[in-house]
Amino acid sequence: MAFKNFKVETDADGIALVAWDIPGRSMNVLDETTITELEAIVKQTSADAAVEGRRRHFGQGGVLRRR
């Protein structure tokens, strides 16, 4: 399944890599599309027999803050 704000790949070791990069924006934001896509990614990777491992990792390069 193709996503607007994410790229999802599974490597040869069965590790799912999810890259978050919203096109045309200087920073990623949690909007309705992003949340909907994240939900679909979790469902997709959980159901995918090829995915043997899941890791949570937040990449550097941005600052999380409340508005």
PDB file of N, CA and C in Angstrom:
ATOM      1  N   MET A   1       0.842  -1.177   0.000  1.00  0.00           N
ATOM      2  CA  MET A   1       0.000   0.000   0.000  1.00  0.00           C
ATOM      3  C   MET A   1       0.893   1.247   0.000  1.00  0.00           C
ATOM      4  N   ALA A   2       0.542   2.208  -0.805  1.00  0.00           N
ATOM      5  CA  ALA A   2       1.306   3.459  -0.885  1.00  0.00           C
ATOM      6  C   ALA A   2       0.720   4.489   0.082  1.00  0.00           C
ATOM      7  N   PHE A   3       1.609   5.234   0.716  1.00  0.00           N
ATOM      8  CA  PHE A   3       1.208   6.250   1.668  1.00  0.00           C
ATOM      9  C   PHE A   3       1.680   7.616   1.189  1.00  0.00           C
ATOM     10  N   LYS A   4       0.973   8.656   1.574  1.00  0.00           N
ATOM     11  CA  LYS A   4       1.322  10.023   1.190  1.00  0.00           C
ATOM     12  C   LYS A   4       2.497  10.558   2.017  1.00  0.00           C
ATOM     13  N   ASN A   5       2.496  10.290   3.330  1.00  0.00           N
ATOM     14  CA  ASN A   5       3.468  10.880   4.230  1.00  0.00           C
ATOM     15  C   ASN A   5       4.541   9.919   4.743  1.00  0.00           C
ATOM     16  N   PHE A   6       4.469   8.661   4.343  1.00  0.00           N
ATOM     17  CA  PHE A   6       5.395   7.659   4.848  1.00  0.00           C
ATOM     18  C   PHE A   6       5.906   6.761   3.728  1.00  0.00           C
ATOM     19  N   LYS A   7       7.100   6.241   3.946  1.00  0.00           N
ATOM     20  CA  LYS A   7       7.639   5.199   3.080  1.00  0.00           C
ATOM     21  C   LYS A   7       7.865   3.997   3.984  1.00  0.00           C
ATOM     22  N   VAL A   8       7.346   2.838   3.601  1.00  0.00           N
ATOM     23  CA  VAL A   8       7.459   1.627   4.410  1.00  0.00           C
ATOM     24  C   VAL A   8       8.204   0.577   3.606  1.00  0.00           C
ATOM     25  N   GLU A   9       9.264   0.030   4.215  1.00  0.00           N
ATOM     26  CA  GLU A   9      10.056  -1.021   3.577  1.00  0.00           C
ATOM     27  C   GLU A   9      10.326  -2.120   4.589  1.00  0.00           C
ATOM     28  N   THR A  10      10.393  -3.351   4.112  1.00  0.00           N
ATOM     29  CA  THR A  10      10.785  -4.464   4.964  1.00  0.00           C
ATOM     30  C   THR A  10      12.075  -5.032   4.402  1.00  0.00           C
ATOM     31  N   ASP A  11      13.108  -5.101   5.248  1.00  0.00           N
ATOM     32  CA  ASP A  11      14.400  -5.577   4.757  1.00  0.00           C
ATOM     33  C   ASP A  11      14.471  -7.104   4.769  1.00  0.00           C
ATOM     34  N   ALA A  12      15.583  -7.648   4.319  1.00  0.00           N
ATOM     35  CA  ALA A  12      15.757  -9.099   4.196  1.00  0.00           C
ATOM     36  C   ALA A  12      15.698  -9.813   5.539  1.00  0.00           C
ATOM     37  N   ASP A  13      15.947  -9.101   6.626  1.00  0.00           N
ATOM     38  CA  ASP A  13      15.894  -9.692   7.966  1.00  0.00           C
ATOM     39  C   ASP A  13      14.503  -9.607   8.587  1.00  0.00           C
ATOM     40  N   GLY A  14      13.540  -9.062   7.862  1.00  0.00           N
ATOM     41  CA  GLY A  14      12.181  -8.968   8.366  1.00  0.00           C
ATOM     42  C   GLY A  14      11.943  -7.777   9.269  1.00  0.00           C
ATOM     43  N   ILE A  15      12.809  -6.765   9.168  1.00  0.00           N
ATOM     44  CA  ILE A  15      12.639  -5.553   9.956  1.00  0.00           C
ATOM     45  C   ILE A  15      11.899  -4.514   9.114  1.00  0.00           C
ATOM     46  N   ALA A  16      10.801  -3.987   9.650  1.00  0.00           N
ATOM     47  CA  ALA A  16      10.026  -2.959   8.955  1.00  0.00           C
ATOM     48  C   ALA A  16      10.614  -1.594   9.279  1.00  0.00           C
ATOM     49  N   LEU A  17      10.935  -0.835   8.247  1.00  0.00           N
ATOM     50  CA  LEU A  17      11.444   0.527   8.403  1.00  0.00           C
ATOM     51  C   LEU A  17      10.375   1.478   7.884  1.00  0.00           C
ATOM     52  N   VAL A  18       9.975   2.416   8.730  1.00  0.00           N
ATOM     53  CA  VAL A  18       8.958   3.398   8.371  1.00  0.00           C
ATOM     54  C   VAL A  18       9.605   4.774   8.414  1.00  0.00           C
ATOM     55  N   ALA A  19       9.667   5.437   7.260  1.00  0.00           N
ATOM     56  CA  ALA A  19      10.248   6.778   7.167  1.00  0.00           C
ATOM     57  C   ALA A  19       9.113   7.785   7.006  1.00  0.00           C
ATOM     58  N   TRP A  20       9.125   8.807   7.849  1.00  0.00           N
ATOM     59  CA  TRP A  20       8.092   9.843   7.847  1.00  0.00           C
ATOM     60  C   TRP A  20       8.654  11.096   7.199  1.00  0.00           C
ATOM     61  N   ASP A  21       8.085  11.493   6.076  1.00  0.00           N
ATOM     62  CA  ASP A  21       8.555  12.675   5.356  1.00  0.00           C
ATOM     63  C   ASP A  21       7.395  13.249   4.556  1.00  0.00           C
ATOM     64  N   ILE A  22       6.792  14.299   5.084  1.00  0.00           N
ATOM     65  CA  ILE A  22       5.652  14.909   4.405  1.00  0.00           C
ATOM     66  C   ILE A  22       6.162  15.758   3.240  1.00  0.00           C
ATOM     67  N   PRO A  23       5.734  15.453   2.019  1.00  0.00           N
ATOM     68  CA  PRO A  23       6.197  16.199   0.852  1.00  0.00           C
ATOM     69  C   PRO A  23       5.819  17.682   0.922  1.00  0.00           C
ATOM     70  N   GLY A  24       6.779  18.530   0.538  1.00  0.00           N
ATOM     71  CA  GLY A  24       6.514  19.960   0.454  1.00  0.00           C
ATOM     72  C   GLY A  24       6.495  20.697   1.784  1.00  0.00           C
ATOM     73  N   ARG A  25       6.897  20.031   2.873  1.00  0.00           N
ATOM     74  CA  ARG A  25       6.906  20.683   4.189  1.00  0.00           C
ATOM     75  C   ARG A  25       8.309  20.640   4.759  1.00  0.00           C
ATOM     76  N   SER A  26       8.676  21.671   5.485  1.00  0.00           N
ATOM     77  CA  SER A  26      10.004  21.704   6.088  1.00  0.00           C
ATOM     78  C   SER A  26      10.061  20.875   7.369  1.00  0.00           C
ATOM     79  N   MET A  27       8.890  20.541   7.931  1.00  0.00           N
ATOM     80  CA  MET A  27       8.857  19.676   9.112  1.00  0.00           C
ATOM     81  C   MET A  27       7.607  18.803   9.049  1.00  0.00           C
ATOM     82  N   ASN A  28       7.698  17.669   9.716  1.00  0.00           N
ATOM     83  CA  ASN A  28       6.566  16.753   9.769  1.00  0.00           C
ATOM     84  C   ASN A  28       5.633  17.171  10.899  1.00  0.00           C
ATOM     85  N   VAL A  29       4.335  17.096  10.632  1.00  0.00           N
ATOM     86  CA  VAL A  29       3.336  17.470  11.627  1.00  0.00           C
ATOM     87  C   VAL A  29       2.293  16.359  11.744  1.00  0.00           C
ATOM     88  N   LEU A  30       1.725  16.245  12.935  1.00  0.00           N
ATOM     89  CA  LEU A  30       0.641  15.284  13.138  1.00  0.00           C
ATOM     90  C   LEU A  30      -0.661  15.927  12.683  1.00  0.00           C
ATOM     91  N   ASP A  31      -1.125  15.491  11.531  1.00  0.00           N
ATOM     92  CA  ASP A  31      -2.409  15.950  11.038  1.00  0.00           C
ATOM     93  C   ASP A  31      -3.294  14.718  10.849  1.00  0.00           C
ATOM     94  N   GLU A  32      -4.503  14.911  10.382  1.00  0.00           N
ATOM     95  CA  GLU A  32      -5.445  13.803  10.241  1.00  0.00           C
ATOM     96  C   GLU A  32      -4.921  12.722   9.284  1.00  0.00           C
ATOM     97  N   THR A  33      -4.317  13.129   8.177  1.00  0.00           N
ATOM     98  CA  THR A  33      -3.772  12.170   7.213  1.00  0.00           C
ATOM     99  C   THR A  33      -2.663  11.336   7.840  1.00  0.00           C
ATOM    100  N   THR A  34      -1.766  11.988   8.571  1.00  0.00           N
ATOM    101  CA  THR A  34      -0.651  11.292   9.204  1.00  0.00           C
ATOM    102  C   THR A  34      -1.149  10.269  10.213  1.00  0.00           C
ATOM    103  N   ILE A  35      -2.095  10.648  11.047  1.00  0.00           N
ATOM    104  CA  ILE A  35      -2.621   9.732  12.055  1.00  0.00           C
ATOM    105  C   ILE A  35      -3.326   8.550  11.402  1.00  0.00           C
ATOM    106  N   THR A  36      -4.092   8.805  10.356  1.00  0.00           N
ATOM    107  CA  THR A  36      -4.779   7.736   9.629  1.00  0.00           C
ATOM    108  C   THR A  36      -3.765   6.783   8.993  1.00  0.00           C
ATOM    109  N   GLU A  37      -2.720   7.346   8.400  1.00  0.00           N
ATOM    110  CA  GLU A  37      -1.692   6.511   7.781  1.00  0.00           C
ATOM    111  C   GLU A  37      -0.925   5.705   8.822  1.00  0.00           C
ATOM    112  N   LEU A  38      -0.613   6.292   9.965  1.00  0.00           N
ATOM    113  CA  LEU A  38       0.078   5.550  11.019  1.00  0.00           C
ATOM    114  C   LEU A  38      -0.745   4.350  11.477  1.00  0.00           C
ATOM    115  N   GLU A  39      -2.029   4.551  11.645  1.00  0.00           N
ATOM    116  CA  GLU A  39      -2.909   3.455  12.025  1.00  0.00           C
ATOM    117  C   GLU A  39      -2.858   2.333  10.983  1.00  0.00           C
ATOM    118  N   ALA A  40      -2.912   2.703   9.711  1.00  0.00           N
ATOM    119  CA  ALA A  40      -2.861   1.713   8.636  1.00  0.00           C
ATOM    120  C   ALA A  40      -1.509   0.996   8.596  1.00  0.00           C
ATOM    121  N   ILE A  41      -0.432   1.718   8.869  1.00  0.00           N
ATOM    122  CA  ILE A  41       0.909   1.116   8.870  1.00  0.00           C
ATOM    123  C   ILE A  41       1.037   0.097   9.991  1.00  0.00           C
ATOM    124  N   VAL A  42       0.533   0.425  11.165  1.00  0.00           N
ATOM    125  CA  VAL A  42       0.576  -0.522  12.279  1.00  0.00           C
ATOM    126  C   VAL A  42      -0.213  -1.781  11.937  1.00  0.00           C
ATOM    127  N   LYS A  43      -1.397  -1.615  11.387  1.00  0.00           N
ATOM    128  CA  LYS A  43      -2.211  -2.769  10.990  1.00  0.00           C
ATOM    129  C   LYS A  43      -1.504  -3.587   9.917  1.00  0.00           C
ATOM    130  N   GLN A  44      -0.943  -2.913   8.915  1.00  0.00           N
ATOM    131  CA  GLN A  44      -0.277  -3.590   7.801  1.00  0.00           C
ATOM    132  C   GLN A  44       0.934  -4.384   8.269  1.00  0.00           C
ATOM    133  N   THR A  45       1.802  -3.753   9.053  1.00  0.00           N
ATOM    134  CA  THR A  45       3.020  -4.443   9.490  1.00  0.00           C
ATOM    135  C   THR A  45       2.721  -5.539  10.504  1.00  0.00           C
ATOM    136  N   SER A  46       1.684  -5.364  11.314  1.00  0.00           N
ATOM    137  CA  SER A  46       1.310  -6.395  12.281  1.00  0.00           C
ATOM    138  C   SER A  46       0.776  -7.645  11.587  1.00  0.00           C
ATOM    139  N   ALA A  47       0.112  -7.463  10.459  1.00  0.00           N
ATOM    140  CA  ALA A  47      -0.484  -8.581   9.727  1.00  0.00           C
ATOM    141  C   ALA A  47       0.474  -9.210   8.720  1.00  0.00           C
ATOM    142  N   ASP A  48       1.604  -8.563   8.440  1.00  0.00           N
ATOM    143  CA  ASP A  48       2.543  -9.016   7.416  1.00  0.00           C
ATOM    144  C   ASP A  48       3.461 -10.092   7.988  1.00  0.00           C
ATOM    145  N   ALA A  49       3.345 -11.318   7.473  1.00  0.00           N
ATOM    146  CA  ALA A  49       4.163 -12.435   7.955  1.00  0.00           C
ATOM    147  C   ALA A  49       5.652 -12.218   7.692  1.00  0.00           C
ATOM    148  N   ALA A  50       5.993 -11.376   6.710  1.00  0.00           N
ATOM    149  CA  ALA A  50       7.402 -11.114   6.391  1.00  0.00           C
ATOM    150  C   ALA A  50       8.063 -10.223   7.438  1.00  0.00           C
ATOM    151  N   VAL A  51       7.255  -9.513   8.211  1.00  0.00           N
ATOM    152  CA  VAL A  51       7.802  -8.624   9.244  1.00  0.00           C
ATOM    153  C   VAL A  51       7.990  -9.424  10.523  1.00  0.00           C
ATOM    154  N   GLU A  52       9.261  -9.595  10.898  1.00  0.00           N
ATOM    155  CA  GLU A  52       9.575 -10.372  12.098  1.00  0.00           C
ATOM    156  C   GLU A  52       9.959  -9.482  13.264  1.00  0.00           C
ATOM    157  N   GLY A  53      10.284  -8.241  12.991  1.00  0.00           N
ATOM    158  CA  GLY A  53      10.717  -7.358  14.066  1.00  0.00           C
ATOM    159  C   GLY A  53      10.189  -5.961  13.878  1.00  0.00           C
ATOM    160  N   ARG A  54       9.966  -5.312  15.000  1.00  0.00           N
ATOM    161  CA  ARG A  54       9.514  -3.921  14.973  1.00  0.00           C
ATOM    162  C   ARG A  54      10.311  -3.167  16.022  1.00  0.00           C
ATOM    163  N   ARG A  55      10.854  -2.040  15.648  1.00  0.00           N
ATOM    164  CA  ARG A  55      11.584  -1.199  16.589  1.00  0.00           C
ATOM    165  C   ARG A  55      11.039   0.195  16.505  1.00  0.00           C
ATOM    166  N   ARG A  56      11.040   0.854  17.620  1.00  0.00           N
ATOM    167  CA  ARG A  56      10.639   2.258  17.632  1.00  0.00           C
ATOM    168  C   ARG A  56      11.901   3.100  17.706  1.00  0.00           C
ATOM    169  N   HIS A  57      12.024   4.007  16.768  1.00  0.00           N
ATOM    170  CA  HIS A  57      13.192   4.887  16.752  1.00  0.00           C
ATOM    171  C   HIS A  57      12.752   6.229  16.193  1.00  0.00           C
ATOM    172  N   PHE A  58      13.039   7.267  16.929  1.00  0.00           N
ATOM    173  CA  PHE A  58      12.696   8.599  16.446  1.00  0.00           C
ATOM    174  C   PHE A  58      13.963   9.239  15.928  1.00  0.00           C
ATOM    175  N   GLY A  59      13.980   9.567  14.650  1.00  0.00           N
ATOM    176  CA  GLY A  59      15.161  10.169  14.036  1.00  0.00           C
ATOM    177  C   GLY A  59      15.408  11.586  14.519  1.00  0.00           C
ATOM    178  N   GLN A  60      16.639  11.952  14.486  1.00  0.00           N
ATOM    179  CA  GLN A  60      17.029  13.303  14.892  1.00  0.00           C
ATOM    180  C   GLN A  60      16.747  14.292  13.768  1.00  0.00           C
ATOM    181  N   GLY A  61      16.849  15.555  14.113  1.00  0.00           N
ATOM    182  CA  GLY A  61      16.698  16.576  13.085  1.00  0.00           C
ATOM    183  C   GLY A  61      15.531  17.507  13.311  1.00  0.00           C
ATOM    184  N   GLY A  62      14.755  17.267  14.333  1.00  0.00           N
ATOM    185  CA  GLY A  62      13.613  18.138  14.583  1.00  0.00           C
ATOM    186  C   GLY A  62      13.387  18.320  16.065  1.00  0.00           C
ATOM    187  N   VAL A  63      12.538  19.237  16.375  1.00  0.00           N
ATOM    188  CA  VAL A  63      12.205  19.515  17.761  1.00  0.00           C
ATOM    189  C   VAL A  63      10.704  19.307  17.943  1.00  0.00           C
ATOM    190  N   LEU A  64      10.341  18.527  18.948  1.00  0.00           N
ATOM    191  CA  LEU A  64       8.933  18.342  19.270  1.00  0.00           C
ATOM    192  C   LEU A  64       8.545  19.364  20.331  1.00  0.00           C
ATOM    193  N   ARG A  65       7.500  20.090  20.073  1.00  0.00           N
ATOM    194  CA  ARG A  65       7.042  21.056  21.057  1.00  0.00           C
ATOM    195  C   ARG A  65       5.549  21.274  20.902  1.00  0.00           C
ATOM    196  N   ARG A  66       4.929  21.688  21.973  1.00  0.00           N
ATOM    197  CA  ARG A  66       3.514  21.997  21.941  1.00  0.00           C
ATOM    198  C   ARG A  66       3.305  23.423  21.495  1.00  0.00           C
ATOM    199  N   ARG A  67       2.212  23.656  20.847  1.00  0.00           N
ATOM    200  CA  ARG A  67       1.856  25.023  20.454  1.00  0.00           C
ATOM    201  C   ARG A  67       0.860  25.588  21.410  1.00  0.00           C
TER     202      ARG A  67
END
